Amino acid sequence: MRKRRLDPKYREKIAKQAREKYKNPEVRKKRLEHCKKWESKNKEKRKIYKRMTRLIVNGKSIQVKKRDFQGYCELCGKQIEKRPKWHHWDDEHPELGLWLCSNCHWYVAEAVEYDPIDILRNKYRQIKEGYILAEIKK
């Protein structure tokens, strides 16, 4: 039985049957009703599933299979009650990443990735030099 399920030809045959069946409006309506009923009963499971499969990359929401969230920050070990952040390194492979708390995400992971300290230092130097030059010219 398992070998048959893994066979690509068999899987394509089953998928084709499902597509044909789903073209029927009654079947589609019944399926949608079932999904809504399940979602209303399992709100917490649905929220967790959405969190695990959605990721925003460059302003676009994409479907990704993330690792299961264990309930703690993988960097500092702090227990996370709400809103864990998924930090990924590469837009080509968004499924590779870490579950982080907000502090670790913004102040460690994003800081290391984009190095805003260097950018801010350079900006500060430019502004400072501009003010010094303006004062000297007076």
Protein backbone atom coordinates (compact mmCIF):
# COMPACT_ATOMS: atom_id res chain seq x y z
CA MET A 1 0.00 0.00 0.00
CA ARG A 2 2.76 2.47 0.96
CA LYS A 3 4.75 1.80 -2.23
CA ARG A 4 1.68 2.53 -4.29
CA ARG A 5 1.13 5.87 -2.50
CA LEU A 6 4.72 6.87 -3.26
CA ASP A 7 4.46 5.94 -6.95
CA PRO A 8 4.32 9.19 -9.02
CA LYS A 9 1.93 7.70 -11.61
CA TYR A 10 -0.51 6.62 -8.91
CA ARG A 11 -0.30 10.00 -7.16
CA GLU A 12 -1.00 11.80 -10.44
CA LYS A 13 -4.00 9.52 -11.07
CA ILE A 14 -5.44 10.28 -7.62
CA ALA A 15 -4.80 14.02 -8.03
CA LYS A 16 -6.56 13.99 -11.40
CA GLN A 17 -9.59 12.23 -9.87
CA ALA A 18 -9.69 14.80 -7.06
CA ARG A 19 -9.54 17.70 -9.54
CA GLU A 20 -12.40 16.24 -11.55
CA LYS A 21 -14.47 15.65 -8.44
CA TYR A 22 -13.82 19.18 -7.16
CA LYS A 23 -15.16 20.74 -10.37
CA ASN A 24 -18.65 19.83 -9.16
CA PRO A 25 -20.08 22.96 -7.40
CA GLU A 26 -21.93 20.88 -4.80
CA VAL A 27 -18.75 19.05 -3.79
CA ARG A 28 -16.87 22.34 -3.59
CA LYS A 29 -19.59 23.96 -1.46
CA LYS A 30 -19.71 20.96 0.89
CA ARG A 31 -15.90 20.99 1.22
CA LEU A 32 -15.83 24.71 2.03
CA GLU A 33 -18.54 24.27 4.67
CA HIS A 34 -16.55 21.45 6.24
CA CYS A 35 -13.38 23.61 6.29
CA LYS A 36 -15.20 26.55 7.92
CA LYS A 37 -16.73 24.25 10.53
CA TRP A 38 -13.29 22.76 11.35
CA GLU A 39 -11.70 26.23 11.57
CA SER A 40 -14.40 27.49 13.95
CA LYS A 41 -13.82 24.49 16.24
CA ASN A 42 -10.00 24.63 16.03
CA LYS A 43 -9.13 28.35 16.06
CA GLU A 44 -5.85 27.88 17.94
CA LYS A 45 -4.66 25.10 15.62
CA ARG A 46 -5.52 27.23 12.59
CA LYS A 47 -3.61 30.21 13.98
CA ILE A 48 -0.53 28.05 14.61
CA TYR A 49 -0.76 26.49 11.15
CA LYS A 50 -1.00 29.91 9.49
CA ARG A 51 2.03 31.10 11.47
CA MET A 52 4.01 28.05 10.36
CA THR A 53 3.21 28.32 6.68
CA ARG A 54 3.23 32.05 5.92
CA LEU A 55 6.24 34.31 5.55
CA ILE A 56 6.56 37.84 4.24
CA VAL A 57 9.59 38.33 2.01
CA ASN A 58 10.17 41.74 0.44
CA GLY A 59 6.58 42.74 1.14
CA LYS A 60 5.09 39.61 -0.44
CA SER A 61 3.43 36.80 1.48
CA ILE A 62 4.74 33.39 0.45
CA GLN A 63 3.97 29.81 1.46
CA VAL A 64 6.78 28.15 3.43
CA LYS A 65 7.04 25.00 5.54
CA LYS A 66 8.82 26.16 8.69
CA ARG A 67 10.02 23.93 11.49
CA ASP A 68 7.60 23.43 14.39
CA PHE A 69 7.74 26.17 17.01
CA GLN A 70 8.89 24.71 20.35
CA GLY A 71 7.70 27.61 22.54
CA TYR A 72 11.03 29.28 23.24
CA CYS A 73 13.58 31.57 21.55
CA GLU A 74 16.28 29.46 19.91
CA LEU A 75 18.90 32.14 20.61
CA CYS A 76 18.37 33.24 24.22
CA GLY A 77 16.12 30.40 25.41
CA LYS A 78 13.37 32.72 26.69
CA GLN A 79 9.82 31.31 26.76
CA ILE A 80 7.68 33.02 24.08
CA GLU A 81 3.98 33.34 24.83
CA LYS A 82 2.91 35.40 21.80
CA ARG A 83 4.17 36.20 18.34
CA PRO A 84 7.43 34.38 17.77
CA LYS A 85 9.46 35.71 14.85
CA TRP A 86 10.81 33.49 12.09
CA HIS A 87 14.21 34.78 11.00
CA HIS A 88 15.49 33.32 7.73
CA TRP A 89 18.85 34.04 6.13
CA ASP A 90 18.25 33.56 2.45
CA ASP A 91 15.25 34.48 0.30
CA GLU A 92 16.04 31.50 -1.94
CA HIS A 93 15.57 29.12 1.03
CA PRO A 94 13.11 30.77 3.45
CA GLU A 95 12.45 27.44 5.19
CA LEU A 96 15.94 27.65 6.76
CA GLY A 97 15.77 29.86 9.83
CA LEU A 98 15.29 30.28 13.57
CA TRP A 99 12.34 30.95 15.87
CA LEU A 100 13.29 34.06 17.87
CA CYS A 101 11.74 36.40 20.42
CA SER A 102 11.23 40.02 19.32
CA ASN A 103 14.34 41.32 21.09
CA CYS A 104 16.67 38.70 19.62
CA HIS A 105 15.11 39.14 16.20
CA TRP A 106 15.54 42.91 16.00
CA TYR A 107 18.56 43.59 18.17
CA VAL A 108 20.68 40.56 17.31
CA ALA A 109 19.65 38.78 14.11
CA GLU A 110 18.61 41.79 12.02
CA ALA A 111 21.48 43.89 13.41
CA VAL A 112 24.00 41.25 12.39
CA GLU A 113 22.40 40.78 8.98
CA TYR A 114 22.14 44.44 8.01
CA ASP A 115 24.71 46.00 10.37
CA PRO A 116 22.76 49.24 11.02
CA ILE A 117 25.35 50.34 13.58
CA ASP A 118 27.88 50.90 10.80
CA ILE A 119 25.28 52.67 8.68
CA LEU A 120 24.28 54.91 11.60
CA ARG A 121 27.94 55.67 12.41
CA ASN A 122 28.58 56.75 8.83
CA LYS A 123 25.44 58.87 8.78
CA TYR A 124 26.43 60.47 12.10
CA ARG A 125 29.92 61.27 10.75
CA GLN A 126 28.47 62.86 7.60
CA ILE A 127 26.08 65.04 9.59
CA LYS A 128 28.84 65.98 12.04
CA GLU A 129 31.24 66.92 9.24
CA GLY A 130 28.50 68.94 7.56
CA TYR A 131 27.87 70.93 10.74
CA ILE A 132 31.58 71.44 11.37
CA LEU A 133 32.14 72.66 7.82
CA ALA A 134 29.17 74.99 8.10
CA GLU A 135 30.52 76.44 11.36
CA ILE A 136 34.01 76.90 9.90
CA LYS A 137 32.65 78.78 6.86
CA LYS A 138 30.82 81.30 9.11
